Amino acid sequence: MAPRWDRSKERLRSHLFRAWTALAVLAGFVYGLVYAPEWLTWWKHATNAMVEAGCGLLPYPWGDRVEATLGNFGMWVQITLAILAFRSLVWLLMTATGLVWRRR
């Protein structure tokens, strides 16, 4: 019985982390919309440049096709990349904190 409960706790923690990071990023987008729209403009230009650079590495017909498709989903791509970047940053900070904490 214990292994099932442990696995359930891990899955619950994972989903809570995902929900928390997604809500934090969306709150950041709302904050940026109200108080710092230049941050959102910078993020839009940065994500578009990343998509263009990545699609530029693909062979001729596929690079243009992927870039056009991702361009149609522009806002969703920006939000998704922001969530992934935020989760990576939080994960690095939590891992570093855990290493420091365990050494004490």
PDB file of N, CA and C in Angstrom:
ATOM      1  N   MET A   1       0.819  -1.194   0.000  1.00  0.00           N
ATOM      2  CA  MET A   1       0.000   0.000   0.000  1.00  0.00           C
ATOM      3  C   MET A   1       0.869   1.266   0.000  1.00  0.00           C
ATOM      4  N   ALA A   2       1.989   1.246   0.675  1.00  0.00           N
ATOM      5  CA  ALA A   2       2.840   2.428   0.782  1.00  0.00           C
ATOM      6  C   ALA A   2       3.412   2.883  -0.566  1.00  0.00           C
ATOM      7  N   PRO A   3       3.884   1.979  -1.439  1.00  0.00           N
ATOM      8  CA  PRO A   3       4.428   2.457  -2.712  1.00  0.00           C
ATOM      9  C   PRO A   3       3.406   3.222  -3.547  1.00  0.00           C
ATOM     10  N   ARG A   4       2.163   2.808  -3.525  1.00  0.00           N
ATOM     11  CA  ARG A   4       1.145   3.526  -4.281  1.00  0.00           C
ATOM     12  C   ARG A   4       0.952   4.938  -3.735  1.00  0.00           C
ATOM     13  N   TRP A   5       0.920   5.075  -2.424  1.00  0.00           N
ATOM     14  CA  TRP A   5       0.744   6.388  -1.818  1.00  0.00           C
ATOM     15  C   TRP A   5       1.944   7.284  -2.113  1.00  0.00           C
ATOM     16  N   ASP A   6       3.156   6.729  -2.058  1.00  0.00           N
ATOM     17  CA  ASP A   6       4.343   7.512  -2.374  1.00  0.00           C
ATOM     18  C   ASP A   6       4.306   7.995  -3.819  1.00  0.00           C
ATOM     19  N   ARG A   7       3.911   7.123  -4.722  1.00  0.00           N
ATOM     20  CA  ARG A   7       3.824   7.499  -6.139  1.00  0.00           C
ATOM     21  C   ARG A   7       2.752   8.569  -6.344  1.00  0.00           C
ATOM     22  N   SER A   8       1.659   8.456  -5.637  1.00  0.00           N
ATOM     23  CA  SER A   8       0.595   9.455  -5.742  1.00  0.00           C
ATOM     24  C   SER A   8       1.059  10.808  -5.221  1.00  0.00           C
ATOM     25  N   LYS A   9       1.815  10.789  -4.127  1.00  0.00           N
ATOM     26  CA  LYS A   9       2.345  12.053  -3.592  1.00  0.00           C
ATOM     27  C   LYS A   9       3.305  12.701  -4.586  1.00  0.00           C
ATOM     28  N   GLU A  10       4.141  11.906  -5.250  1.00  0.00           N
ATOM     29  CA  GLU A  10       5.067  12.448  -6.249  1.00  0.00           C
ATOM     30  C   GLU A  10       4.298  13.080  -7.408  1.00  0.00           C
ATOM     31  N   ARG A  11       3.274  12.389  -7.869  1.00  0.00           N
ATOM     32  CA  ARG A  11       2.474  12.920  -8.986  1.00  0.00           C
ATOM     33  C   ARG A  11       1.739  14.190  -8.575  1.00  0.00           C
ATOM     34  N   LEU A  12       1.227  14.226  -7.361  1.00  0.00           N
ATOM     35  CA  LEU A  12       0.539  15.418  -6.875  1.00  0.00           C
ATOM     36  C   LEU A  12       1.507  16.599  -6.785  1.00  0.00           C
ATOM     37  N   ARG A  13       2.691  16.353  -6.240  1.00  0.00           N
ATOM     38  CA  ARG A  13       3.706  17.418  -6.171  1.00  0.00           C
ATOM     39  C   ARG A  13       4.069  17.913  -7.556  1.00  0.00           C
ATOM     40  N   SER A  14       4.218  16.996  -8.496  1.00  0.00           N
ATOM     41  CA  SER A  14       4.559  17.370  -9.865  1.00  0.00           C
ATOM     42  C   SER A  14       3.472  18.243 -10.480  1.00  0.00           C
ATOM     43  N   HIS A  15       2.229  17.865 -10.321  1.00  0.00           N
ATOM     44  CA  HIS A  15       1.134  18.652 -10.884  1.00  0.00           C
ATOM     45  C   HIS A  15       0.985  19.999 -10.187  1.00  0.00           C
ATOM     46  N   LEU A  16       1.195  20.031  -8.885  1.00  0.00           N
ATOM     47  CA  LEU A  16       1.145  21.310  -8.174  1.00  0.00           C
ATOM     48  C   LEU A  16       2.255  22.240  -8.640  1.00  0.00           C
ATOM     49  N   PHE A  17       3.447  21.685  -8.877  1.00  0.00           N
ATOM     50  CA  PHE A  17       4.549  22.497  -9.387  1.00  0.00           C
ATOM     51  C   PHE A  17       4.203  23.043 -10.769  1.00  0.00           C
ATOM     52  N   ARG A  18       3.643  22.209 -11.622  1.00  0.00           N
ATOM     53  CA  ARG A  18       3.267  22.653 -12.964  1.00  0.00           C
ATOM     54  C   ARG A  18       2.211  23.739 -12.911  1.00  0.00           C
ATOM     55  N   ALA A  19       1.190  23.533 -12.092  1.00  0.00           N
ATOM     56  CA  ALA A  19       0.124  24.527 -11.985  1.00  0.00           C
ATOM     57  C   ALA A  19       0.650  25.833 -11.397  1.00  0.00           C
ATOM     58  N   TRP A  20       1.490  25.739 -10.362  1.00  0.00           N
ATOM     59  CA  TRP A  20       2.032  26.932  -9.726  1.00  0.00           C
ATOM     60  C   TRP A  20       2.890  27.738 -10.701  1.00  0.00           C
ATOM     61  N   THR A  21       3.750  27.062 -11.444  1.00  0.00           N
ATOM     62  CA  THR A  21       4.618  27.796 -12.367  1.00  0.00           C
ATOM     63  C   THR A  21       3.813  28.412 -13.511  1.00  0.00           C
ATOM     64  N   ALA A  22       2.815  27.691 -14.013  1.00  0.00           N
ATOM     65  CA  ALA A  22       1.992  28.246 -15.092  1.00  0.00           C
ATOM     66  C   ALA A  22       1.224  29.473 -14.609  1.00  0.00           C
ATOM     67  N   LEU A  23       0.653  29.399 -13.418  1.00  0.00           N
ATOM     68  CA  LEU A  23      -0.077  30.550 -12.884  1.00  0.00           C
ATOM     69  C   LEU A  23       0.854  31.723 -12.593  1.00  0.00           C
ATOM     70  N   ALA A  24       2.058  31.444 -12.137  1.00  0.00           N
ATOM     71  CA  ALA A  24       3.021  32.518 -11.878  1.00  0.00           C
ATOM     72  C   ALA A  24       3.402  33.232 -13.170  1.00  0.00           C
ATOM     73  N   VAL A  25       3.606  32.474 -14.229  1.00  0.00           N
ATOM     74  CA  VAL A  25       3.956  33.093 -15.515  1.00  0.00           C
ATOM     75  C   VAL A  25       2.782  33.901 -16.059  1.00  0.00           C
ATOM     76  N   LEU A  26       1.579  33.355 -15.969  1.00  0.00           N
ATOM     77  CA  LEU A  26       0.414  34.109 -16.432  1.00  0.00           C
ATOM     78  C   LEU A  26       0.218  35.382 -15.613  1.00  0.00           C
ATOM     79  N   ALA A  27       0.455  35.308 -14.310  1.00  0.00           N
ATOM     80  CA  ALA A  27       0.394  36.515 -13.479  1.00  0.00           C
ATOM     81  C   ALA A  27       1.462  37.510 -13.905  1.00  0.00           C
ATOM     82  N   GLY A  28       2.634  36.998 -14.275  1.00  0.00           N
ATOM     83  CA  GLY A  28       3.694  37.871 -14.775  1.00  0.00           C
ATOM     84  C   GLY A  28       3.306  38.553 -16.079  1.00  0.00           C
ATOM     85  N   PHE A  29       2.608  37.829 -16.953  1.00  0.00           N
ATOM     86  CA  PHE A  29       2.135  38.438 -18.190  1.00  0.00           C
ATOM     87  C   PHE A  29       1.115  39.533 -17.909  1.00  0.00           C
ATOM     88  N   VAL A  30       0.207  39.306 -16.969  1.00  0.00           N
ATOM     89  CA  VAL A  30      -0.786  40.332 -16.618  1.00  0.00           C
ATOM     90  C   VAL A  30      -0.086  41.538 -15.994  1.00  0.00           C
ATOM     91  N   TYR A  31       0.876  41.279 -15.109  1.00  0.00           N
ATOM     92  CA  TYR A  31       1.641  42.378 -14.508  1.00  0.00           C
ATOM     93  C   TYR A  31       2.361  43.177 -15.599  1.00  0.00           C
ATOM     94  N   GLY A  32       2.985  42.459 -16.528  1.00  0.00           N
ATOM     95  CA  GLY A  32       3.679  43.128 -17.623  1.00  0.00           C
ATOM     96  C   GLY A  32       2.736  43.929 -18.500  1.00  0.00           C
ATOM     97  N   LEU A  33       1.551  43.415 -18.721  1.00  0.00           N
ATOM     98  CA  LEU A  33       0.572  44.124 -19.543  1.00  0.00           C
ATOM     99  C   LEU A  33       0.168  45.440 -18.888  1.00  0.00           C
ATOM    100  N   VAL A  34       0.045  45.430 -17.561  1.00  0.00           N
ATOM    101  CA  VAL A  34      -0.420  46.625 -16.851  1.00  0.00           C
ATOM    102  C   VAL A  34       0.724  47.590 -16.542  1.00  0.00           C
ATOM    103  N   TYR A  35       1.843  47.067 -16.014  1.00  0.00           N
ATOM    104  CA  TYR A  35       2.893  47.938 -15.480  1.00  0.00           C
ATOM    105  C   TYR A  35       4.152  48.033 -16.332  1.00  0.00           C
ATOM    106  N   ALA A  36       4.461  47.036 -17.122  1.00  0.00           N
ATOM    107  CA  ALA A  36       5.716  47.062 -17.882  1.00  0.00           C
ATOM    108  C   ALA A  36       5.529  46.443 -19.270  1.00  0.00           C
ATOM    109  N   PRO A  37       4.799  47.110 -20.139  1.00  0.00           N
ATOM    110  CA  PRO A  37       4.549  46.532 -21.465  1.00  0.00           C
ATOM    111  C   PRO A  37       5.819  46.364 -22.296  1.00  0.00           C
ATOM    112  N   GLU A  38       6.865  47.095 -21.967  1.00  0.00           N
ATOM    113  CA  GLU A  38       8.127  46.935 -22.716  1.00  0.00           C
ATOM    114  C   GLU A  38       8.740  45.558 -22.480  1.00  0.00           C
ATOM    115  N   TRP A  39       8.471  44.954 -21.323  1.00  0.00           N
ATOM    116  CA  TRP A  39       8.953  43.584 -21.079  1.00  0.00           C
ATOM    117  C   TRP A  39       8.281  42.610 -22.027  1.00  0.00           C
ATOM    118  N   LEU A  40       6.979  42.771 -22.229  1.00  0.00           N
ATOM    119  CA  LEU A  40       6.255  41.886 -23.145  1.00  0.00           C
ATOM    120  C   LEU A  40       6.711  42.098 -24.586  1.00  0.00           C
ATOM    121  N   THR A  41       6.993  43.341 -24.937  1.00  0.00           N
ATOM    122  CA  THR A  41       7.510  43.617 -26.279  1.00  0.00           C
ATOM    123  C   THR A  41       8.863  42.949 -26.469  1.00  0.00           C
ATOM    124  N   TRP A  42       9.729  43.063 -25.473  1.00  0.00           N
ATOM    125  CA  TRP A  42      11.040  42.407 -25.545  1.00  0.00           C
ATOM    126  C   TRP A  42      10.879  40.888 -25.661  1.00  0.00           C
ATOM    127  N   TRP A  43       9.994  40.303 -24.866  1.00  0.00           N
ATOM    128  CA  TRP A  43       9.788  38.854 -24.891  1.00  0.00           C
ATOM    129  C   TRP A  43       9.260  38.409 -26.261  1.00  0.00           C
ATOM    130  N   LYS A  44       8.358  39.198 -26.851  1.00  0.00           N
ATOM    131  CA  LYS A  44       7.821  38.871 -28.170  1.00  0.00           C
ATOM    132  C   LYS A  44       8.926  38.872 -29.213  1.00  0.00           C
ATOM    133  N   HIS A  45       9.768  39.892 -29.189  1.00  0.00           N
ATOM    134  CA  HIS A  45      10.870  39.959 -30.153  1.00  0.00           C
ATOM    135  C   HIS A  45      11.879  38.826 -29.932  1.00  0.00           C
ATOM    136  N   ALA A  46      12.150  38.514 -28.673  1.00  0.00           N
ATOM    137  CA  ALA A  46      13.104  37.445 -28.367  1.00  0.00           C
ATOM    138  C   ALA A  46      12.587  36.088 -28.827  1.00  0.00           C
ATOM    139  N   THR A  47      11.311  35.792 -28.570  1.00  0.00           N
ATOM    140  CA  THR A  47      10.776  34.497 -28.987  1.00  0.00           C
ATOM    141  C   THR A  47      10.675  34.407 -30.508  1.00  0.00           C
ATOM    142  N   ASN A  48      10.306  35.493 -31.158  1.00  0.00           N
ATOM    143  CA  ASN A  48      10.262  35.477 -32.622  1.00  0.00           C
ATOM    144  C   ASN A  48      11.654  35.258 -33.210  1.00  0.00           C
ATOM    145  N   ALA A  49      12.663  35.873 -32.609  1.00  0.00           N
ATOM    146  CA  ALA A  49      14.034  35.679 -33.087  1.00  0.00           C
ATOM    147  C   ALA A  49      14.485  34.231 -32.886  1.00  0.00           C
ATOM    148  N   MET A  50      14.093  33.614 -31.747  1.00  0.00           N
ATOM    149  CA  MET A  50      14.448  32.211 -31.510  1.00  0.00           C
ATOM    150  C   MET A  50      13.772  31.297 -32.522  1.00  0.00           C
ATOM    151  N   VAL A  51      12.501  31.551 -32.808  1.00  0.00           N
ATOM    152  CA  VAL A  51      11.785  30.737 -33.792  1.00  0.00           C
ATOM    153  C   VAL A  51      12.416  30.893 -35.167  1.00  0.00           C
ATOM    154  N   GLU A  52      12.722  32.120 -35.568  1.00  0.00           N
ATOM    155  CA  GLU A  52      13.346  32.353 -36.874  1.00  0.00           C
ATOM    156  C   GLU A  52      14.708  31.686 -36.965  1.00  0.00           C
ATOM    157  N   ALA A  53      15.499  31.779 -35.894  1.00  0.00           N
ATOM    158  CA  ALA A  53      16.822  31.154 -35.908  1.00  0.00           C
ATOM    159  C   ALA A  53      16.716  29.637 -35.972  1.00  0.00           C
ATOM    160  N   GLY A  54      15.796  29.063 -35.199  1.00  0.00           N
ATOM    161  CA  GLY A  54      15.612  27.614 -35.216  1.00  0.00           C
ATOM    162  C   GLY A  54      15.097  27.121 -36.555  1.00  0.00           C
ATOM    163  N   CYS A  55      14.164  27.846 -37.136  1.00  0.00           N
ATOM    164  CA  CYS A  55      13.612  27.447 -38.436  1.00  0.00           C
ATOM    165  C   CYS A  55      14.610  27.673 -39.561  1.00  0.00           C
ATOM    166  N   GLY A  56      15.515  28.610 -39.364  1.00  0.00           N
ATOM    167  CA  GLY A  56      16.553  28.841 -40.368  1.00  0.00           C
ATOM    168  C   GLY A  56      17.520  27.673 -40.492  1.00  0.00           C
ATOM    169  N   LEU A  57      17.587  26.832 -39.481  1.00  0.00           N
ATOM    170  CA  LEU A  57      18.465  25.663 -39.515  1.00  0.00           C
ATOM    171  C   LEU A  57      17.850  24.489 -40.280  1.00  0.00           C
ATOM    172  N   LEU A  58      16.558  24.553 -40.535  1.00  0.00           N
ATOM    173  CA  LEU A  58      15.879  23.470 -41.245  1.00  0.00           C
ATOM    174  C   LEU A  58      16.047  23.644 -42.754  1.00  0.00           C
ATOM    175  N   PRO A  59      15.969  22.549 -43.514  1.00  0.00           N
ATOM    176  CA  PRO A  59      16.069  22.669 -44.978  1.00  0.00           C
ATOM    177  C   PRO A  59      14.914  23.482 -45.561  1.00  0.00           C
ATOM    178  N   TYR A  60      15.099  23.907 -46.812  1.00  0.00           N
ATOM    179  CA  TYR A  60      14.246  24.917 -47.445  1.00  0.00           C
ATOM    180  C   TYR A  60      12.747  24.804 -47.218  1.00  0.00           C
ATOM    181  N   PRO A  61      12.069  23.822 -47.699  1.00  0.00           N
ATOM    182  CA  PRO A  61      10.615  23.990 -47.567  1.00  0.00           C
ATOM    183  C   PRO A  61      10.131  23.852 -46.128  1.00  0.00           C
ATOM    184  N   TRP A  62      10.854  23.093 -45.311  1.00  0.00           N
ATOM    185  CA  TRP A  62      10.373  22.820 -43.959  1.00  0.00           C
ATOM    186  C   TRP A  62      10.574  23.999 -43.019  1.00  0.00           C
ATOM    187  N   GLY A  63      11.653  24.716 -43.172  1.00  0.00           N
ATOM    188  CA  GLY A  63      11.891  25.870 -42.310  1.00  0.00           C
ATOM    189  C   GLY A  63      10.798  26.915 -42.441  1.00  0.00           C
ATOM    190  N   ASP A  64      10.422  27.208 -43.696  1.00  0.00           N
ATOM    191  CA  ASP A  64       9.361  28.192 -43.930  1.00  0.00           C
ATOM    192  C   ASP A  64       8.016  27.702 -43.416  1.00  0.00           C
ATOM    193  N   ARG A  65       7.755  26.426 -43.588  1.00  0.00           N
ATOM    194  CA  ARG A  65       6.473  25.873 -43.142  1.00  0.00           C
ATOM    195  C   ARG A  65       6.353  25.903 -41.621  1.00  0.00           C
ATOM    196  N   VAL A  66       7.414  25.493 -40.948  1.00  0.00           N
ATOM    197  CA  VAL A  66       7.375  25.479 -39.480  1.00  0.00           C
ATOM    198  C   VAL A  66       7.287  26.898 -38.936  1.00  0.00           C
ATOM    199  N   GLU A  67       8.041  27.811 -39.534  1.00  0.00           N
ATOM    200  CA  GLU A  67       8.003  29.201 -39.079  1.00  0.00           C
ATOM    201  C   GLU A  67       6.611  29.809 -39.268  1.00  0.00           C
ATOM    202  N   ALA A  68       5.970  29.523 -40.393  1.00  0.00           N
ATOM    203  CA  ALA A  68       4.614  30.040 -40.627  1.00  0.00           C
ATOM    204  C   ALA A  68       3.626  29.444 -39.626  1.00  0.00           C
ATOM    205  N   THR A  69       3.781  28.162 -39.339  1.00  0.00           N
ATOM    206  CA  THR A  69       2.870  27.513 -38.390  1.00  0.00           C
ATOM    207  C   THR A  69       3.058  28.073 -36.989  1.00  0.00           C
ATOM    208  N   LEU A  70       4.309  28.195 -36.556  1.00  0.00           N
ATOM    209  CA  LEU A  70       4.559  28.746 -35.223  1.00  0.00           C
ATOM    210  C   LEU A  70       4.158  30.214 -35.140  1.00  0.00           C
ATOM    211  N   GLY A  71       4.265  30.923 -36.247  1.00  0.00           N
ATOM    212  CA  GLY A  71       3.840  32.321 -36.272  1.00  0.00           C
ATOM    213  C   GLY A  71       2.346  32.465 -36.033  1.00  0.00           C
ATOM    214  N   ASN A  72       1.571  31.489 -36.519  1.00  0.00           N
ATOM    215  CA  ASN A  72       0.123  31.531 -36.305  1.00  0.00           C
ATOM    216  C   ASN A  72      -0.244  31.268 -34.849  1.00  0.00           C
ATOM    217  N   PHE A  73       0.615  30.562 -34.146  1.00  0.00           N
ATOM    218  CA  PHE A  73       0.377  30.281 -32.727  1.00  0.00           C
ATOM    219  C   PHE A  73       1.240  31.189 -31.853  1.00  0.00           C
ATOM    220  N   GLY A  74       1.549  32.368 -32.293  1.00  0.00           N
ATOM    221  CA  GLY A  74       2.512  33.253 -31.662  1.00  0.00           C
ATOM    222  C   GLY A  74       2.379  33.440 -30.166  1.00  0.00           C
ATOM    223  N   MET A  75       1.198  33.817 -29.700  1.00  0.00           N
ATOM    224  CA  MET A  75       1.025  34.084 -28.271  1.00  0.00           C
ATOM    225  C   MET A  75       1.182  32.814 -27.449  1.00  0.00           C
ATOM    226  N   TRP A  76       0.668  31.696 -27.965  1.00  0.00           N
ATOM    227  CA  TRP A  76       0.790  30.427 -27.240  1.00  0.00           C
ATOM    228  C   TRP A  76       2.239  29.985 -27.158  1.00  0.00           C
ATOM    229  N   VAL A  77       2.996  30.217 -28.219  1.00  0.00           N
ATOM    230  CA  VAL A  77       4.418  29.865 -28.207  1.00  0.00           C
ATOM    231  C   VAL A  77       5.148  30.718 -27.173  1.00  0.00           C
ATOM    232  N   GLN A  78       4.827  31.998 -27.120  1.00  0.00           N
ATOM    233  CA  GLN A  78       5.475  32.890 -26.154  1.00  0.00           C
ATOM    234  C   GLN A  78       5.166  32.474 -24.723  1.00  0.00           C
ATOM    235  N   ILE A  79       3.926  32.147 -24.431  1.00  0.00           N
ATOM    236  CA  ILE A  79       3.557  31.740 -23.079  1.00  0.00           C
ATOM    237  C   ILE A  79       4.217  30.418 -22.724  1.00  0.00           C
ATOM    238  N   THR A  80       4.213  29.472 -23.666  1.00  0.00           N
ATOM    239  CA  THR A  80       4.822  28.165 -23.411  1.00  0.00           C
ATOM    240  C   THR A  80       6.316  28.291 -23.147  1.00  0.00           C
ATOM    241  N   LEU A  81       7.012  29.070 -23.958  1.00  0.00           N
ATOM    242  CA  LEU A  81       8.449  29.258 -23.744  1.00  0.00           C
ATOM    243  C   LEU A  81       8.729  29.968 -22.418  1.00  0.00           C
ATOM    244  N   ALA A  82       7.866  30.900 -22.039  1.00  0.00           N
ATOM    245  CA  ALA A  82       8.041  31.585 -20.754  1.00  0.00           C
ATOM    246  C   ALA A  82       7.852  30.604 -19.598  1.00  0.00           C
ATOM    247  N   ILE A  83       6.863  29.724 -19.699  1.00  0.00           N
ATOM    248  CA  ILE A  83       6.642  28.731 -18.648  1.00  0.00           C
ATOM    249  C   ILE A  83       7.825  27.786 -18.557  1.00  0.00           C
ATOM    250  N   LEU A  84       8.316  27.318 -19.703  1.00  0.00           N
ATOM    251  CA  LEU A  84       9.467  26.407 -19.694  1.00  0.00           C
ATOM    252  C   LEU A  84      10.715  27.075 -19.119  1.00  0.00           C
ATOM    253  N   ALA A  85      10.943  28.322 -19.480  1.00  0.00           N
ATOM    254  CA  ALA A  85      12.109  29.039 -18.954  1.00  0.00           C
ATOM    255  C   ALA A  85      11.977  29.244 -17.446  1.00  0.00           C
ATOM    256  N   PHE A  86      10.785  29.611 -16.990  1.00  0.00           N
ATOM    257  CA  PHE A  86      10.562  29.830 -15.555  1.00  0.00           C
ATOM    258  C   PHE A  86      10.717  28.531 -14.771  1.00  0.00           C
ATOM    259  N   ARG A  87      10.164  27.434 -15.304  1.00  0.00           N
ATOM    260  CA  ARG A  87      10.304  26.140 -14.630  1.00  0.00           C
ATOM    261  C   ARG A  87      11.759  25.718 -14.543  1.00  0.00           C
ATOM    262  N   SER A  88      12.523  25.958 -15.600  1.00  0.00           N
ATOM    263  CA  SER A  88      13.951  25.606 -15.572  1.00  0.00           C
ATOM    264  C   SER A  88      14.688  26.423 -14.523  1.00  0.00           C
ATOM    265  N   LEU A  89      14.386  27.712 -14.455  1.00  0.00           N
ATOM    266  CA  LEU A  89      15.027  28.577 -13.472  1.00  0.00           C
ATOM    267  C   LEU A  89      14.665  28.149 -12.051  1.00  0.00           C
ATOM    268  N   VAL A  90      13.388  27.876 -11.801  1.00  0.00           N
ATOM    269  CA  VAL A  90      12.963  27.441 -10.467  1.00  0.00           C
ATOM    270  C   VAL A  90      13.604  26.105 -10.120  1.00  0.00           C
ATOM    271  N   TRP A  91      13.661  25.189 -11.084  1.00  0.00           N
ATOM    272  CA  TRP A  91      14.279  23.887 -10.836  1.00  0.00           C
ATOM    273  C   TRP A  91      15.757  24.042 -10.471  1.00  0.00           C
ATOM    274  N   LEU A  92      16.475  24.904 -11.207  1.00  0.00           N
ATOM    275  CA  LEU A  92      17.888  25.134 -10.883  1.00  0.00           C
ATOM    276  C   LEU A  92      18.050  25.713  -9.486  1.00  0.00           C
ATOM    277  N   LEU A  93      17.215  26.677  -9.135  1.00  0.00           N
ATOM    278  CA  LEU A  93      17.296  27.282  -7.804  1.00  0.00           C
ATOM    279  C   LEU A  93      16.969  26.268  -6.708  1.00  0.00           C
ATOM    280  N   MET A  94      15.955  25.422  -6.936  1.00  0.00           N
ATOM    281  CA  MET A  94      15.591  24.423  -5.939  1.00  0.00           C
ATOM    282  C   MET A  94      16.684  23.366  -5.800  1.00  0.00           C
ATOM    283  N   THR A  95      17.291  22.979  -6.896  1.00  0.00           N
ATOM    284  CA  THR A  95      18.378  21.996  -6.853  1.00  0.00           C
ATOM    285  C   THR A  95      19.583  22.569  -6.121  1.00  0.00           C
ATOM    286  N   ALA A  96      19.949  23.803  -6.424  1.00  0.00           N
ATOM    287  CA  ALA A  96      21.084  24.434  -5.745  1.00  0.00           C
ATOM    288  C   ALA A  96      20.817  24.592  -4.252  1.00  0.00           C
ATOM    289  N   THR A  97      19.591  24.991  -3.913  1.00  0.00           N
ATOM    290  CA  THR A  97      19.227  25.126  -2.497  1.00  0.00           C
ATOM    291  C   THR A  97      19.289  23.781  -1.791  1.00  0.00           C
ATOM    292  N   GLY A  98      18.811  22.737  -2.455  1.00  0.00           N
ATOM    293  CA  GLY A  98      18.868  21.397  -1.865  1.00  0.00           C
ATOM    294  C   GLY A  98      20.295  20.919  -1.651  1.00  0.00           C
ATOM    295  N   LEU A  99      21.196  21.211  -2.594  1.00  0.00           N
ATOM    296  CA  LEU A  99      22.598  20.822  -2.435  1.00  0.00           C
ATOM    297  C   LEU A  99      23.251  21.555  -1.274  1.00  0.00           C
ATOM    298  N   VAL A 100      22.978  22.837  -1.174  1.00  0.00           N
ATOM    299  CA  VAL A 100      23.534  23.627  -0.071  1.00  0.00           C
ATOM    300  C   VAL A 100      22.960  23.148   1.250  1.00  0.00           C
ATOM    301  N   TRP A 101      21.672  22.865   1.286  1.00  0.00           N
ATOM    302  CA  TRP A 101      21.004  22.427   2.503  1.00  0.00           C
ATOM    303  C   TRP A 101      21.541  21.075   2.978  1.00  0.00           C
ATOM    304  N   ARG A 102      21.779  20.139   2.049  1.00  0.00           N
ATOM    305  CA  ARG A 102      22.263  18.824   2.404  1.00  0.00           C
ATOM    306  C   ARG A 102      23.703  18.834   2.905  1.00  0.00           C
ATOM    307  N   ARG A 103      24.492  19.790   2.458  1.00  0.00           N
ATOM    308  CA  ARG A 103      25.898  19.865   2.885  1.00  0.00           C
ATOM    309  C   ARG A 103      26.041  20.347   4.310  1.00  0.00           C
ATOM    310  N   ARG A 104      25.039  20.980   4.838  1.00  0.00           N
ATOM    311  CA  ARG A 104      25.109  21.485   6.220  1.00  0.00           C
ATOM    312  C   ARG A 104      24.980  20.421   7.210  1.00  0.00           C
TER     313      ARG A 104
END
